[in-house]
Amino acid sequence: MRVKKSAGLMLLATACVTTSACGQPERPRVVSDFCTVDQRLTVEVAPGPGVDDPGNQFDTDETVNQVLGHNEVHDRLCAG
C-alpha cells in the first residue's frame, strides 16, 4: 500500500512538472526606458563655412557633431 501511495505521488509530481513546462507564454520584450523617452534630434547645418547667421538659425559644428553622435547611439540601441 505504501509503495502504491508513493508511486502515485511521484506520478502526480511528474505530471505537475511536465504540464507546467508546456505552453509557457512568450516572455514580453523588455524595452529600455531610453528608447521609450528618447528620439532622434535634428540640426540645422550652415550652408557653408563663415556664413553670416544674424538670426542664429544654424547650429555650431560642435553641436552638429554631438547631435549626430546621439542619433547614432539612438539608432543602434533602439533599432527595430
N, C-alpha and C. Protein backbone atom coordinates (compact mmCIF):
# COMPACT_ATOMS: atom_id res chain seq x y z
N MET A 1 0.80 -1.18 0.00
CA MET A 1 0.00 0.00 0.00
C MET A 1 0.86 1.26 0.00
N ARG A 2 1.89 1.20 0.83
CA ARG A 2 2.77 2.35 0.94
C ARG A 2 3.50 2.62 -0.38
N VAL A 3 3.90 1.56 -1.07
CA VAL A 3 4.58 1.69 -2.36
C VAL A 3 3.63 2.30 -3.39
N LYS A 4 2.38 1.85 -3.37
CA LYS A 4 1.40 2.39 -4.30
C LYS A 4 1.18 3.89 -4.07
N LYS A 5 1.12 4.30 -2.80
CA LYS A 5 0.88 5.70 -2.46
C LYS A 5 2.06 6.58 -2.91
N SER A 6 3.29 6.14 -2.63
CA SER A 6 4.46 6.92 -3.03
C SER A 6 4.60 6.95 -4.56
N ALA A 7 4.23 5.85 -5.23
CA ALA A 7 4.28 5.83 -6.70
C ALA A 7 3.24 6.80 -7.26
N GLY A 8 2.11 6.87 -6.62
CA GLY A 8 1.06 7.81 -7.05
C GLY A 8 1.50 9.25 -6.87
N LEU A 9 2.16 9.52 -5.74
CA LEU A 9 2.66 10.88 -5.50
C LEU A 9 3.74 11.26 -6.50
N MET A 10 4.62 10.30 -6.84
CA MET A 10 5.66 10.56 -7.84
C MET A 10 5.04 10.85 -9.20
N LEU A 11 4.02 10.10 -9.54
CA LEU A 11 3.33 10.30 -10.81
C LEU A 11 2.66 11.67 -10.85
N LEU A 12 2.02 12.05 -9.75
CA LEU A 12 1.37 13.35 -9.65
C LEU A 12 2.39 14.48 -9.76
N ALA A 13 3.51 14.35 -9.05
CA ALA A 13 4.56 15.37 -9.10
C ALA A 13 5.12 15.50 -10.51
N THR A 14 5.35 14.36 -11.16
CA THR A 14 5.87 14.38 -12.54
C THR A 14 4.87 15.04 -13.47
N ALA A 15 3.60 14.76 -13.30
CA ALA A 15 2.56 15.36 -14.14
C ALA A 15 2.53 16.87 -13.95
N CYS A 16 2.65 17.33 -12.72
CA CYS A 16 2.63 18.77 -12.45
C CYS A 16 3.83 19.48 -13.09
N VAL A 17 4.98 18.87 -12.97
CA VAL A 17 6.20 19.48 -13.52
C VAL A 17 6.14 19.52 -15.04
N THR A 18 5.72 18.45 -15.66
CA THR A 18 5.72 18.41 -17.13
C THR A 18 4.61 19.26 -17.73
N THR A 19 3.48 19.39 -17.07
CA THR A 19 2.43 20.22 -17.65
C THR A 19 2.74 21.70 -17.52
N SER A 20 3.46 22.08 -16.48
CA SER A 20 3.80 23.50 -16.35
C SER A 20 4.91 23.90 -17.32
N ALA A 21 5.66 22.95 -17.81
CA ALA A 21 6.74 23.26 -18.75
C ALA A 21 6.20 23.49 -20.16
N CYS A 22 5.03 22.97 -20.44
CA CYS A 22 4.46 23.12 -21.78
C CYS A 22 3.59 24.36 -21.84
N GLY A 23 3.61 24.99 -22.98
CA GLY A 23 2.72 26.11 -23.21
C GLY A 23 3.03 27.35 -22.41
N GLN A 24 4.29 27.56 -22.10
CA GLN A 24 4.66 28.77 -21.39
C GLN A 24 4.42 29.98 -22.28
N PRO A 25 3.83 31.04 -21.76
CA PRO A 25 3.62 32.23 -22.58
C PRO A 25 4.97 32.86 -22.93
N GLU A 26 5.01 33.50 -24.09
CA GLU A 26 6.25 34.16 -24.51
C GLU A 26 6.54 35.31 -23.56
N ARG A 27 7.78 35.41 -23.16
CA ARG A 27 8.16 36.50 -22.26
C ARG A 27 8.06 37.81 -23.00
N PRO A 28 7.53 38.84 -22.38
CA PRO A 28 7.43 40.13 -23.06
C PRO A 28 8.82 40.71 -23.32
N ARG A 29 8.94 41.38 -24.43
CA ARG A 29 10.23 42.01 -24.74
C ARG A 29 10.42 43.21 -23.82
N VAL A 30 11.61 43.34 -23.33
CA VAL A 30 11.92 44.45 -22.45
C VAL A 30 12.44 45.60 -23.32
N VAL A 31 11.79 46.73 -23.19
CA VAL A 31 12.20 47.91 -23.94
C VAL A 31 12.87 48.85 -22.96
N SER A 32 14.04 49.31 -23.35
CA SER A 32 14.77 50.23 -22.50
C SER A 32 13.97 51.52 -22.31
N ASP A 33 14.05 52.08 -21.11
CA ASP A 33 13.42 53.38 -20.88
C ASP A 33 13.98 54.42 -21.83
N PHE A 34 15.25 54.31 -22.16
CA PHE A 34 15.88 55.25 -23.07
C PHE A 34 15.12 55.29 -24.39
N CYS A 35 14.76 54.12 -24.91
CA CYS A 35 14.10 54.05 -26.21
C CYS A 35 12.66 54.52 -26.15
N THR A 36 12.04 54.49 -24.99
CA THR A 36 10.66 54.94 -24.90
C THR A 36 10.55 56.44 -24.71
N VAL A 37 11.58 57.08 -24.20
CA VAL A 37 11.51 58.53 -23.97
C VAL A 37 12.42 59.35 -24.88
N ASP A 38 13.34 58.72 -25.55
CA ASP A 38 14.29 59.44 -26.39
C ASP A 38 13.80 59.48 -27.83
N GLN A 39 14.34 60.41 -28.59
CA GLN A 39 14.05 60.48 -30.01
C GLN A 39 15.26 61.03 -30.75
N ARG A 40 15.26 60.82 -32.05
CA ARG A 40 16.33 61.39 -32.87
C ARG A 40 16.23 62.91 -32.83
N LEU A 41 17.38 63.57 -32.86
CA LEU A 41 17.43 65.02 -32.82
C LEU A 41 17.72 65.55 -34.23
N THR A 42 17.30 66.77 -34.47
CA THR A 42 17.56 67.41 -35.77
C THR A 42 18.54 68.56 -35.58
N VAL A 43 19.22 68.90 -36.66
CA VAL A 43 20.17 70.00 -36.64
C VAL A 43 19.97 70.85 -37.89
N GLU A 44 20.41 72.07 -37.80
CA GLU A 44 20.43 72.97 -38.95
C GLU A 44 21.90 73.29 -39.22
N VAL A 45 22.42 72.69 -40.28
CA VAL A 45 23.81 72.88 -40.65
C VAL A 45 23.92 74.13 -41.51
N ALA A 46 24.93 74.94 -41.24
CA ALA A 46 25.17 76.14 -42.06
C ALA A 46 25.50 75.72 -43.48
N PRO A 47 25.04 76.49 -44.48
CA PRO A 47 25.29 76.12 -45.87
C PRO A 47 26.77 76.17 -46.27
N GLY A 48 27.57 76.82 -45.48
CA GLY A 48 29.00 76.87 -45.79
C GLY A 48 29.76 77.49 -44.63
N PRO A 49 31.10 77.38 -44.66
CA PRO A 49 31.90 77.96 -43.58
C PRO A 49 31.86 79.49 -43.62
N GLY A 50 31.78 80.08 -42.45
CA GLY A 50 31.83 81.53 -42.33
C GLY A 50 30.56 82.23 -42.78
N VAL A 51 29.46 81.52 -42.90
CA VAL A 51 28.19 82.12 -43.32
C VAL A 51 27.66 82.99 -42.19
N ASP A 52 27.23 84.22 -42.54
CA ASP A 52 26.66 85.13 -41.56
C ASP A 52 25.33 84.54 -41.06
N ASP A 53 25.14 84.50 -39.75
CA ASP A 53 23.96 83.90 -39.16
C ASP A 53 23.34 84.87 -38.16
N PRO A 54 22.78 86.01 -38.66
CA PRO A 54 22.26 87.03 -37.73
C PRO A 54 21.06 86.54 -36.91
N GLY A 55 20.25 85.65 -37.44
CA GLY A 55 19.09 85.16 -36.70
C GLY A 55 19.39 83.91 -35.88
N ASN A 56 20.67 83.51 -35.85
CA ASN A 56 21.10 82.32 -35.11
C ASN A 56 20.27 81.10 -35.51
N GLN A 57 20.20 80.87 -36.84
CA GLN A 57 19.41 79.77 -37.39
C GLN A 57 20.18 78.46 -37.49
N PHE A 58 21.51 78.55 -37.52
CA PHE A 58 22.32 77.35 -37.76
C PHE A 58 23.00 76.90 -36.48
N ASP A 59 23.20 75.58 -36.37
CA ASP A 59 23.90 75.01 -35.23
C ASP A 59 25.41 75.06 -35.46
N THR A 60 26.15 75.13 -34.34
CA THR A 60 27.60 75.14 -34.45
C THR A 60 28.09 73.75 -34.86
N ASP A 61 29.33 73.69 -35.35
CA ASP A 61 29.91 72.40 -35.73
C ASP A 61 29.93 71.44 -34.54
N GLU A 62 30.24 71.95 -33.36
CA GLU A 62 30.29 71.12 -32.16
C GLU A 62 28.90 70.53 -31.86
N THR A 63 27.87 71.35 -31.95
CA THR A 63 26.51 70.87 -31.71
C THR A 63 26.11 69.83 -32.74
N VAL A 64 26.43 70.07 -34.00
CA VAL A 64 26.11 69.12 -35.06
C VAL A 64 26.77 67.78 -34.79
N ASN A 65 28.05 67.80 -34.41
CA ASN A 65 28.76 66.55 -34.13
C ASN A 65 28.15 65.81 -32.94
N GLN A 66 27.76 66.53 -31.91
CA GLN A 66 27.16 65.90 -30.73
C GLN A 66 25.80 65.30 -31.08
N VAL A 67 25.01 66.01 -31.87
CA VAL A 67 23.69 65.51 -32.26
C VAL A 67 23.83 64.27 -33.14
N LEU A 68 24.75 64.31 -34.08
CA LEU A 68 24.96 63.14 -34.94
C LEU A 68 25.41 61.93 -34.12
N GLY A 69 26.27 62.16 -33.12
CA GLY A 69 26.70 61.09 -32.23
C GLY A 69 25.52 60.53 -31.44
N HIS A 70 24.68 61.41 -30.94
CA HIS A 70 23.49 60.98 -30.21
C HIS A 70 22.59 60.14 -31.10
N ASN A 71 22.36 60.60 -32.33
CA ASN A 71 21.48 59.87 -33.24
C ASN A 71 22.04 58.50 -33.60
N GLU A 72 23.36 58.38 -33.71
CA GLU A 72 23.97 57.07 -33.98
C GLU A 72 23.70 56.10 -32.83
N VAL A 73 23.85 56.59 -31.61
CA VAL A 73 23.59 55.74 -30.44
C VAL A 73 22.11 55.36 -30.40
N HIS A 74 21.25 56.32 -30.64
CA HIS A 74 19.81 56.06 -30.65
C HIS A 74 19.46 54.98 -31.67
N ASP A 75 20.01 55.11 -32.88
CA ASP A 75 19.71 54.12 -33.94
C ASP A 75 20.22 52.74 -33.57
N ARG A 76 21.40 52.68 -32.94
CA ARG A 76 21.98 51.38 -32.59
C ARG A 76 21.20 50.70 -31.48
N LEU A 77 20.77 51.47 -30.47
CA LEU A 77 20.08 50.87 -29.33
C LEU A 77 18.60 50.64 -29.54
N CYS A 78 17.99 51.46 -30.36
CA CYS A 78 16.54 51.43 -30.48
C CYS A 78 16.06 50.98 -31.85
N ALA A 79 16.92 50.38 -32.63
CA ALA A 79 16.51 49.91 -33.96
C ALA A 79 15.45 48.83 -33.83
N GLY A 80 14.53 48.85 -34.72
CA GLY A 80 13.52 47.79 -34.71
C GLY A 80 12.21 48.32 -34.60
